[in-house]
């Protein structure tokens, strides 16, 4: 089943986010290589694709996992969690309708 992992950043966490980004992307690449990643990306803190020092307000990952518990476990091991980038992470079942 698909799950949405919706994360909200701590204030002023851009430096931590940038430092942990390579490890974060490596984990996403594993999901992509397994054919389980639907989409992933950050939410810019301002209305532009390149927010600069404004940074990001969080992230969204939609991926396939065997269970909610597996998705929650995967999300809890994210390098952004370890780096204290995320203030809150919500994992929910997701039903893709379109496209």
PDB file of N, CA and C in Angstrom:
ATOM      1  N   UNK A   1       0.846  -1.183   0.000  1.00  0.00           N
ATOM      2  CA  UNK A   1       0.000   0.000   0.000  1.00  0.00           C
ATOM      3  C   UNK A   1       0.885   1.238   0.000  1.00  0.00           C
ATOM      4  N   UNK A   2       0.341   2.337  -0.518  1.00  0.00           N
ATOM      5  CA  UNK A   2       1.052   3.604  -0.498  1.00  0.00           C
ATOM      6  C   UNK A   2       0.815   4.329   0.821  1.00  0.00           C
ATOM      7  N   UNK A   3       1.863   5.066   1.238  1.00  0.00           N
ATOM      8  CA  UNK A   3       1.793   5.874   2.457  1.00  0.00           C
ATOM      9  C   UNK A   3       2.390   7.243   2.170  1.00  0.00           C
ATOM     10  N   UNK A   4       1.761   8.283   2.732  1.00  0.00           N
ATOM     11  CA  UNK A   4       2.280   9.635   2.664  1.00  0.00           C
ATOM     12  C   UNK A   4       3.011   9.918   3.965  1.00  0.00           C
ATOM     13  N   UNK A   5       4.248  10.373   3.830  1.00  0.00           N
ATOM     14  CA  UNK A   5       5.055  10.766   4.980  1.00  0.00           C
ATOM     15  C   UNK A   5       5.191  12.284   4.890  1.00  0.00           C
ATOM     16  N   UNK A   6       4.508  12.968   5.797  1.00  0.00           N
ATOM     17  CA  UNK A   6       4.407  14.422   5.780  1.00  0.00           C
ATOM     18  C   UNK A   6       5.203  14.959   6.967  1.00  0.00           C
ATOM     19  N   UNK A   7       6.257  15.691   6.671  1.00  0.00           N
ATOM     20  CA  UNK A   7       7.161  16.159   7.718  1.00  0.00           C
ATOM     21  C   UNK A   7       7.177  17.676   7.765  1.00  0.00           C
ATOM     22  N   UNK A   8       7.263  18.208   8.972  1.00  0.00           N
ATOM     23  CA  UNK A   8       7.338  19.647   9.186  1.00  0.00           C
ATOM     24  C   UNK A   8       8.690  19.970   9.815  1.00  0.00           C
ATOM     25  N   UNK A   9       9.381  20.966   9.253  1.00  0.00           N
ATOM     26  CA  UNK A   9      10.705  21.333   9.740  1.00  0.00           C
ATOM     27  C   UNK A   9      10.648  22.161  11.023  1.00  0.00           C
ATOM     28  N   UNK A  10      11.692  22.023  11.824  1.00  0.00           N
ATOM     29  CA  UNK A  10      11.920  22.931  12.941  1.00  0.00           C
ATOM     30  C   UNK A  10      12.325  24.288  12.369  1.00  0.00           C
ATOM     31  N   UNK A  11      12.052  25.362  13.104  1.00  0.00           N
ATOM     32  CA  UNK A  11      12.511  26.682  12.645  1.00  0.00           C
ATOM     33  C   UNK A  11      14.039  26.709  12.523  1.00  0.00           C
ATOM     34  N   UNK A  12      14.523  27.464  11.565  1.00  0.00           N
ATOM     35  CA  UNK A  12      15.968  27.678  11.381  1.00  0.00           C
ATOM     36  C   UNK A  12      16.763  26.383  11.253  1.00  0.00           C
ATOM     37  N   UNK A  13      16.219  25.409  10.526  1.00  0.00           N
ATOM     38  CA  UNK A  13      16.886  24.114  10.405  1.00  0.00           C
ATOM     39  C   UNK A  13      17.571  23.913   9.049  1.00  0.00           C
ATOM     40  N   UNK A  14      17.692  24.964   8.246  1.00  0.00           N
ATOM     41  CA  UNK A  14      18.245  24.813   6.903  1.00  0.00           C
ATOM     42  C   UNK A  14      19.666  24.249   6.928  1.00  0.00           C
ATOM     43  N   UNK A  15      20.513  24.733   7.808  1.00  0.00           N
ATOM     44  CA  UNK A  15      21.885  24.226   7.895  1.00  0.00           C
ATOM     45  C   UNK A  15      21.918  22.739   8.211  1.00  0.00           C
ATOM     46  N   UNK A  16      21.090  22.315   9.142  1.00  0.00           N
ATOM     47  CA  UNK A  16      21.006  20.891   9.490  1.00  0.00           C
ATOM     48  C   UNK A  16      20.473  20.081   8.309  1.00  0.00           C
ATOM     49  N   UNK A  17      19.481  20.633   7.624  1.00  0.00           N
ATOM     50  CA  UNK A  17      18.887  19.961   6.461  1.00  0.00           C
ATOM     51  C   UNK A  17      19.954  19.750   5.387  1.00  0.00           C
ATOM     52  N   UNK A  18      20.716  20.791   5.091  1.00  0.00           N
ATOM     53  CA  UNK A  18      21.736  20.691   4.045  1.00  0.00           C
ATOM     54  C   UNK A  18      22.820  19.679   4.417  1.00  0.00           C
ATOM     55  N   UNK A  19      23.202  19.634   5.685  1.00  0.00           N
ATOM     56  CA  UNK A  19      24.233  18.694   6.123  1.00  0.00           C
ATOM     57  C   UNK A  19      23.764  17.246   6.026  1.00  0.00           C
ATOM     58  N   UNK A  20      22.499  16.996   6.323  1.00  0.00           N
ATOM     59  CA  UNK A  20      21.965  15.625   6.328  1.00  0.00           C
ATOM     60  C   UNK A  20      21.401  15.203   4.969  1.00  0.00           C
ATOM     61  N   UNK A  21      21.335  16.119   4.017  1.00  0.00           N
ATOM     62  CA  UNK A  21      20.680  15.851   2.741  1.00  0.00           C
ATOM     63  C   UNK A  21      21.270  14.664   1.969  1.00  0.00           C
ATOM     64  N   UNK A  22      22.590  14.519   1.858  1.00  0.00           N
ATOM     65  CA  UNK A  22      23.101  13.367   1.099  1.00  0.00           C
ATOM     66  C   UNK A  22      22.617  12.022   1.649  1.00  0.00           C
ATOM     67  N   UNK A  23      22.627  11.852   2.951  1.00  0.00           N
ATOM     68  CA  UNK A  23      22.154  10.593   3.552  1.00  0.00           C
ATOM     69  C   UNK A  23      20.652  10.427   3.347  1.00  0.00           C
ATOM     70  N   UNK A  24      19.917  11.520   3.437  1.00  0.00           N
ATOM     71  CA  UNK A  24      18.468  11.490   3.212  1.00  0.00           C
ATOM     72  C   UNK A  24      18.172  11.048   1.776  1.00  0.00           C
ATOM     73  N   UNK A  25      18.880  11.638   0.815  1.00  0.00           N
ATOM     74  CA  UNK A  25      18.671  11.281  -0.589  1.00  0.00           C
ATOM     75  C   UNK A  25      19.081   9.841  -0.888  1.00  0.00           C
ATOM     76  N   UNK A  26      20.121   9.355  -0.220  1.00  0.00           N
ATOM     77  CA  UNK A  26      20.539   7.954  -0.407  1.00  0.00           C
ATOM     78  C   UNK A  26      19.413   6.998  -0.042  1.00  0.00           C
ATOM     79  N   UNK A  27      18.708   7.269   1.045  1.00  0.00           N
ATOM     80  CA  UNK A  27      17.597   6.401   1.456  1.00  0.00           C
ATOM     81  C   UNK A  27      16.453   6.455   0.453  1.00  0.00           C
ATOM     82  N   UNK A  28      16.175   7.642  -0.066  1.00  0.00           N
ATOM     83  CA  UNK A  28      15.122   7.773  -1.067  1.00  0.00           C
ATOM     84  C   UNK A  28      15.513   7.046  -2.354  1.00  0.00           C
ATOM     85  N   UNK A  29      16.792   7.093  -2.699  1.00  0.00           N
ATOM     86  CA  UNK A  29      17.263   6.410  -3.897  1.00  0.00           C
ATOM     87  C   UNK A  29      17.053   4.902  -3.789  1.00  0.00           C
ATOM     88  N   UNK A  30      17.214   4.348  -2.604  1.00  0.00           N
ATOM     89  CA  UNK A  30      16.959   2.917  -2.397  1.00  0.00           C
ATOM     90  C   UNK A  30      15.498   2.602  -2.697  1.00  0.00           C
ATOM     91  N   UNK A  31      14.580   3.416  -2.185  1.00  0.00           N
ATOM     92  CA  UNK A  31      13.159   3.209  -2.479  1.00  0.00           C
ATOM     93  C   UNK A  31      12.894   3.309  -3.980  1.00  0.00           C
ATOM     94  N   UNK A  32      13.521   4.291  -4.621  1.00  0.00           N
ATOM     95  CA  UNK A  32      13.324   4.456  -6.065  1.00  0.00           C
ATOM     96  C   UNK A  32      13.863   3.239  -6.822  1.00  0.00           C
ATOM     97  N   UNK A  33      15.035   2.769  -6.451  1.00  0.00           N
ATOM     98  CA  UNK A  33      15.626   1.611  -7.117  1.00  0.00           C
ATOM     99  C   UNK A  33      14.763   0.362  -6.956  1.00  0.00           C
ATOM    100  N   UNK A  34      14.021   0.292  -5.856  1.00  0.00           N
ATOM    101  CA  UNK A  34      13.129  -0.838  -5.595  1.00  0.00           C
ATOM    102  C   UNK A  34      11.768  -0.656  -6.262  1.00  0.00           C
ATOM    103  N   UNK A  35      11.556   0.466  -6.927  1.00  0.00           N
ATOM    104  CA  UNK A  35      10.278   0.742  -7.575  1.00  0.00           C
ATOM    105  C   UNK A  35       9.163   1.090  -6.615  1.00  0.00           C
ATOM    106  N   UNK A  36       9.511   1.565  -5.415  1.00  0.00           N
ATOM    107  CA  UNK A  36       8.514   1.839  -4.381  1.00  0.00           C
ATOM    108  C   UNK A  36       8.245   3.322  -4.160  1.00  0.00           C
ATOM    109  N   UNK A  37       9.057   4.198  -4.756  1.00  0.00           N
ATOM    110  CA  UNK A  37       8.915   5.632  -4.541  1.00  0.00           C
ATOM    111  C   UNK A  37       8.000   6.236  -5.602  1.00  0.00           C
ATOM    112  N   UNK A  38       6.937   6.907  -5.157  1.00  0.00           N
ATOM    113  CA  UNK A  38       6.024   7.596  -6.071  1.00  0.00           C
ATOM    114  C   UNK A  38       6.499   9.029  -6.285  1.00  0.00           C
ATOM    115  N   UNK A  39       6.806   9.731  -5.200  1.00  0.00           N
ATOM    116  CA  UNK A  39       7.331  11.092  -5.285  1.00  0.00           C
ATOM    117  C   UNK A  39       7.949  11.477  -3.959  1.00  0.00           C
ATOM    118  N   UNK A  40       8.831  12.465  -4.024  1.00  0.00           N
ATOM    119  CA  UNK A  40       9.465  12.977  -2.813  1.00  0.00           C
ATOM    120  C   UNK A  40       9.980  14.372  -3.086  1.00  0.00           C
ATOM    121  N   UNK A  41       9.885  15.232  -2.089  1.00  0.00           N
ATOM    122  CA  UNK A  41      10.434  16.568  -2.236  1.00  0.00           C
ATOM    123  C   UNK A  41      10.093  17.451  -1.054  1.00  0.00           C
ATOM    124  N   UNK A  42      10.787  18.587  -0.980  1.00  0.00           N
ATOM    125  CA  UNK A  42      10.566  19.525   0.119  1.00  0.00           C
ATOM    126  C   UNK A  42       9.478  20.550  -0.205  1.00  0.00           C
ATOM    127  N   UNK A  43       8.999  21.192   0.844  1.00  0.00           N
ATOM    128  CA  UNK A  43       8.069  22.313   0.730  1.00  0.00           C
ATOM    129  C   UNK A  43       8.879  23.598   0.944  1.00  0.00           C
ATOM    130  N   UNK A  44       9.107  24.405  -0.106  1.00  0.00           N
ATOM    131  CA  UNK A  44       9.810  25.668   0.112  1.00  0.00           C
ATOM    132  C   UNK A  44       9.049  26.547   1.112  1.00  0.00           C
ATOM    133  N   UNK A  45       9.796  27.255   1.931  1.00  0.00           N
ATOM    134  CA  UNK A  45       9.182  28.112   2.951  1.00  0.00           C
ATOM    135  C   UNK A  45       8.555  29.365   2.347  1.00  0.00           C
ATOM    136  N   UNK A  46       8.948  29.707   1.120  1.00  0.00           N
ATOM    137  CA  UNK A  46       8.374  30.846   0.403  1.00  0.00           C
ATOM    138  C   UNK A  46       7.941  30.363  -0.977  1.00  0.00           C
ATOM    139  N   UNK A  47       7.154  31.161  -1.648  1.00  0.00           N
ATOM    140  CA  UNK A  47       6.536  30.755  -2.909  1.00  0.00           C
ATOM    141  C   UNK A  47       7.499  30.839  -4.094  1.00  0.00           C
ATOM    142  N   UNK A  48       8.486  29.948  -4.081  1.00  0.00           N
ATOM    143  CA  UNK A  48       9.457  29.841  -5.169  1.00  0.00           C
ATOM    144  C   UNK A  48      10.129  28.477  -5.073  1.00  0.00           C
ATOM    145  N   UNK A  49      10.593  27.971  -6.208  1.00  0.00           N
ATOM    146  CA  UNK A  49      11.272  26.672  -6.200  1.00  0.00           C
ATOM    147  C   UNK A  49      12.652  26.754  -5.571  1.00  0.00           C
ATOM    148  N   UNK A  50      13.253  27.928  -5.568  1.00  0.00           N
ATOM    149  CA  UNK A  50      14.591  28.129  -4.992  1.00  0.00           C
ATOM    150  C   UNK A  50      14.486  29.138  -3.853  1.00  0.00           C
ATOM    151  N   UNK A  51      14.140  28.679  -2.647  1.00  0.00           N
ATOM    152  CA  UNK A  51      13.862  29.609  -1.550  1.00  0.00           C
ATOM    153  C   UNK A  51      15.088  30.230  -0.898  1.00  0.00           C
ATOM    154  N   UNK A  52      16.281  29.819  -1.308  1.00  0.00           N
ATOM    155  CA  UNK A  52      17.490  30.385  -0.721  1.00  0.00           C
ATOM    156  C   UNK A  52      17.522  30.218   0.783  1.00  0.00           C
ATOM    157  N   UNK A  53      17.895  31.277   1.468  1.00  0.00           N
ATOM    158  CA  UNK A  53      18.044  31.203   2.922  1.00  0.00           C
ATOM    159  C   UNK A  53      16.714  31.087   3.657  1.00  0.00           C
ATOM    160  N   UNK A  54      15.590  31.283   2.968  1.00  0.00           N
ATOM    161  CA  UNK A  54      14.281  31.072   3.602  1.00  0.00           C
ATOM    162  C   UNK A  54      14.107  29.595   3.931  1.00  0.00           C
ATOM    163  N   UNK A  55      14.754  28.742   3.149  1.00  0.00           N
ATOM    164  CA  UNK A  55      14.740  27.312   3.450  1.00  0.00           C
ATOM    165  C   UNK A  55      13.425  26.638   3.116  1.00  0.00           C
ATOM    166  N   UNK A  56      13.128  25.634   3.912  1.00  0.00           N
ATOM    167  CA  UNK A  56      11.982  24.777   3.657  1.00  0.00           C
ATOM    168  C   UNK A  56      11.148  24.631   4.919  1.00  0.00           C
ATOM    169  N   UNK A  57       9.862  24.362   4.720  1.00  0.00           N
ATOM    170  CA  UNK A  57       8.961  24.199   5.864  1.00  0.00           C
ATOM    171  C   UNK A  57       8.682  22.727   6.157  1.00  0.00           C
ATOM    172  N   UNK A  58       9.144  21.836   5.298  1.00  0.00           N
ATOM    173  CA  UNK A  58       8.921  20.411   5.521  1.00  0.00           C
ATOM    174  C   UNK A  58       9.138  19.632   4.245  1.00  0.00           C
ATOM    175  N   UNK A  59       8.679  18.373   4.259  1.00  0.00           N
ATOM    176  CA  UNK A  59       8.867  17.467   3.125  1.00  0.00           C
ATOM    177  C   UNK A  59       7.667  16.555   2.966  1.00  0.00           C
ATOM    178  N   UNK A  60       7.560  15.997   1.766  1.00  0.00           N
ATOM    179  CA  UNK A  60       6.539  14.997   1.477  1.00  0.00           C
ATOM    180  C   UNK A  60       7.189  13.834   0.746  1.00  0.00           C
ATOM    181  N   UNK A  61       6.916  12.633   1.212  1.00  0.00           N
ATOM    182  CA  UNK A  61       7.334  11.397   0.540  1.00  0.00           C
ATOM    183  C   UNK A  61       6.088  10.539   0.391  1.00  0.00           C
ATOM    184  N   UNK A  62       5.855  10.023  -0.803  1.00  0.00           N
ATOM    185  CA  UNK A  62       4.798   9.038  -1.025  1.00  0.00           C
ATOM    186  C   UNK A  62       5.493   7.796  -1.567  1.00  0.00           C
ATOM    187  N   UNK A  63       5.350   6.694  -0.838  1.00  0.00           N
ATOM    188  CA  UNK A  63       6.047   5.468  -1.207  1.00  0.00           C
ATOM    189  C   UNK A  63       5.246   4.253  -0.769  1.00  0.00           C
ATOM    190  N   UNK A  64       5.615   3.120  -1.343  1.00  0.00           N
ATOM    191  CA  UNK A  64       4.942   1.865  -1.038  1.00  0.00           C
ATOM    192  C   UNK A  64       5.665   1.132   0.096  1.00  0.00           C
ATOM    193  N   UNK A  65       4.887   0.689   1.065  1.00  0.00           N
ATOM    194  CA  UNK A  65       5.380  -0.118   2.178  1.00  0.00           C
ATOM    195  C   UNK A  65       4.392  -1.242   2.421  1.00  0.00           C
ATOM    196  N   UNK A  66       4.828  -2.279   3.107  1.00  0.00           N
ATOM    197  CA  UNK A  66       3.956  -3.423   3.390  1.00  0.00           C
ATOM    198  C   UNK A  66       2.902  -3.122   4.440  1.00  0.00           C
ATOM    199  N   UNK A  67       3.180  -2.120   5.300  1.00  0.00           N
ATOM    200  CA  UNK A  67       2.242  -1.812   6.380  1.00  0.00           C
ATOM    201  C   UNK A  67       2.491  -0.389   6.880  1.00  0.00           C
ATOM    202  N   UNK A  68       1.533   0.125   7.617  1.00  0.00           N
ATOM    203  CA  UNK A  68       1.687   1.431   8.255  1.00  0.00           C
ATOM    204  C   UNK A  68       2.877   1.410   9.202  1.00  0.00           C
ATOM    205  N   UNK A  69       3.020   0.331   9.950  1.00  0.00           N
ATOM    206  CA  UNK A  69       4.122   0.223  10.902  1.00  0.00           C
ATOM    207  C   UNK A  69       5.470   0.274  10.187  1.00  0.00           C
ATOM    208  N   UNK A  70       5.566  -0.385   9.035  1.00  0.00           N
ATOM    209  CA  UNK A  70       6.816  -0.361   8.274  1.00  0.00           C
ATOM    210  C   UNK A  70       7.108   1.055   7.769  1.00  0.00           C
ATOM    211  N   UNK A  71       6.082   1.751   7.300  1.00  0.00           N
ATOM    212  CA  UNK A  71       6.259   3.130   6.838  1.00  0.00           C
ATOM    213  C   UNK A  71       6.680   4.043   7.991  1.00  0.00           C
ATOM    214  N   UNK A  72       6.067   3.866   9.148  1.00  0.00           N
ATOM    215  CA  UNK A  72       6.422   4.672  10.317  1.00  0.00           C
ATOM    216  C   UNK A  72       7.853   4.399  10.760  1.00  0.00           C
ATOM    217  N   UNK A  73       8.251   3.146  10.719  1.00  0.00           N
ATOM    218  CA  UNK A  73       9.617   2.780  11.093  1.00  0.00           C
ATOM    219  C   UNK A  73      10.625   3.394  10.128  1.00  0.00           C
ATOM    220  N   UNK A  74      10.313   3.305   8.829  1.00  0.00           N
ATOM    221  CA  UNK A  74      11.208   3.890   7.826  1.00  0.00           C
ATOM    222  C   UNK A  74      11.338   5.392   8.061  1.00  0.00           C
ATOM    223  N   UNK A  75      10.216   6.067   8.296  1.00  0.00           N
ATOM    224  CA  UNK A  75      10.223   7.515   8.515  1.00  0.00           C
ATOM    225  C   UNK A  75      11.011   7.887   9.771  1.00  0.00           C
ATOM    226  N   UNK A  76      10.907   7.089  10.809  1.00  0.00           N
ATOM    227  CA  UNK A  76      11.597   7.378  12.069  1.00  0.00           C
ATOM    228  C   UNK A  76      13.113   7.281  11.929  1.00  0.00           C
ATOM    229  N   UNK A  77      13.584   6.551  10.935  1.00  0.00           N
ATOM    230  CA  UNK A  77      15.024   6.372  10.726  1.00  0.00           C
ATOM    231  C   UNK A  77      15.607   7.359   9.720  1.00  0.00           C
ATOM    232  N   UNK A  78      14.828   8.334   9.302  1.00  0.00           N
ATOM    233  CA  UNK A  78      15.307   9.314   8.332  1.00  0.00           C
ATOM    234  C   UNK A  78      16.445  10.136   8.931  1.00  0.00           C
ATOM    235  N   UNK A  79      17.495  10.386   8.168  1.00  0.00           N
ATOM    236  CA  UNK A  79      18.587  11.221   8.675  1.00  0.00           C
ATOM    237  C   UNK A  79      18.143  12.614   9.108  1.00  0.00           C
ATOM    238  N   UNK A  80      17.079  13.138   8.512  1.00  0.00           N
ATOM    239  CA  UNK A  80      16.570  14.432   8.948  1.00  0.00           C
ATOM    240  C   UNK A  80      15.995  14.359  10.360  1.00  0.00           C
ATOM    241  N   UNK A  81      15.476  13.221  10.755  1.00  0.00           N
ATOM    242  CA  UNK A  81      15.002  13.045  12.131  1.00  0.00           C
ATOM    243  C   UNK A  81      16.202  13.086  13.072  1.00  0.00           C
ATOM    244  N   UNK A  82      17.234  12.306  12.741  1.00  0.00           N
ATOM    245  CA  UNK A  82      18.440  12.262  13.571  1.00  0.00           C
ATOM    246  C   UNK A  82      19.124  13.628  13.673  1.00  0.00           C
ATOM    247  N   UNK A  83      19.053  14.415  12.596  1.00  0.00           N
ATOM    248  CA  UNK A  83      19.696  15.728  12.570  1.00  0.00           C
ATOM    249  C   UNK A  83      18.833  16.834  13.182  1.00  0.00           C
ATOM    250  N   UNK A  84      17.659  16.487  13.687  1.00  0.00           N
ATOM    251  CA  UNK A  84      16.732  17.444  14.305  1.00  0.00           C
ATOM    252  C   UNK A  84      16.221  18.480  13.310  1.00  0.00           C
ATOM    253  N   UNK A  85      16.068  18.064  12.050  1.00  0.00           N
ATOM    254  CA  UNK A  85      15.464  18.933  11.043  1.00  0.00           C
ATOM    255  C   UNK A  85      13.957  18.964  11.241  1.00  0.00           C
ATOM    256  N   UNK A  86      13.374  17.794  11.456  1.00  0.00           N
ATOM    257  CA  UNK A  86      11.921  17.680  11.543  1.00  0.00           C
ATOM    258  C   UNK A  86      11.401  17.904  12.960  1.00  0.00           C
ATOM    259  N   UNK A  87      10.375  18.736  13.064  1.00  0.00           N
ATOM    260  CA  UNK A  87       9.669  18.946  14.325  1.00  0.00           C
ATOM    261  C   UNK A  87       8.563  17.919  14.498  1.00  0.00           C
ATOM    262  N   UNK A  88       7.991  17.488  13.362  1.00  0.00           N
ATOM    263  CA  UNK A  88       6.856  16.575  13.403  1.00  0.00           C
ATOM    264  C   UNK A  88       6.828  15.754  12.121  1.00  0.00           C
ATOM    265  N   UNK A  89       6.504  14.465  12.254  1.00  0.00           N
ATOM    266  CA  UNK A  89       6.363  13.583  11.099  1.00  0.00           C
ATOM    267  C   UNK A  89       5.047  12.826  11.241  1.00  0.00           C
ATOM    268  N   UNK A  90       4.218  12.906  10.200  1.00  0.00           N
ATOM    269  CA  UNK A  90       2.944  12.197  10.168  1.00  0.00           C
ATOM    270  C   UNK A  90       2.993  11.193   9.027  1.00  0.00           C
ATOM    271  N   UNK A  91       2.572   9.968   9.305  1.00  0.00           N
ATOM    272  CA  UNK A  91       2.529   8.924   8.281  1.00  0.00           C
ATOM    273  C   UNK A  91       1.081   8.469   8.159  1.00  0.00           C
ATOM    274  N   UNK A  92       0.570   8.517   6.917  1.00  0.00           N
ATOM    275  CA  UNK A  92      -0.828   8.163   6.669  1.00  0.00           C
ATOM    276  C   UNK A  92      -0.926   7.252   5.450  1.00  0.00           C
ATOM    277  N   UNK A  93      -1.890   6.335   5.442  1.00  0.00           N
ATOM    278  CA  UNK A  93      -2.166   5.602   4.211  1.00  0.00           C
ATOM    279  C   UNK A  93      -2.561   6.593   3.119  1.00  0.00           C
ATOM    280  N   UNK A  94      -2.212   6.260   1.880  1.00  0.00           N
ATOM    281  CA  UNK A  94      -2.479   7.152   0.755  1.00  0.00           C
ATOM    282  C   UNK A  94      -3.049   6.337  -0.400  1.00  0.00           C
ATOM    283  N   UNK A  95      -4.125   6.829  -0.979  1.00  0.00           N
ATOM    284  CA  UNK A  95      -4.744   6.171  -2.130  1.00  0.00           C
ATOM    285  C   UNK A  95      -4.555   7.055  -3.359  1.00  0.00           C
ATOM    286  N   UNK A  96      -3.736   6.600  -4.289  1.00  0.00           N
ATOM    287  CA  UNK A  96      -3.510   7.362  -5.518  1.00  0.00           C
ATOM    288  C   UNK A  96      -4.711   7.183  -6.431  1.00  0.00           C
ATOM    289  N   UNK A  97      -5.271   8.300  -6.904  1.00  0.00           N
ATOM    290  CA  UNK A  97      -6.408   8.280  -7.811  1.00  0.00           C
ATOM    291  C   UNK A  97      -5.968   8.734  -9.204  1.00  0.00           C
ATOM    292  N   UNK A  98      -5.245   9.851  -9.286  1.00  0.00           N
ATOM    293  CA  UNK A  98      -4.778  10.392 -10.560  1.00  0.00           C
ATOM    294  C   UNK A  98      -3.321  10.761 -10.466  1.00  0.00           C
ATOM    295  N   UNK A  99      -2.563  10.848 -11.452  1.00  0.00           N
ATOM    296  CA  UNK A  99      -2.835  10.300 -12.780  1.00  0.00           C
ATOM    297  C   UNK A  99      -2.703   8.799 -12.763  1.00  0.00           C
TER     298      UNK A  99
END
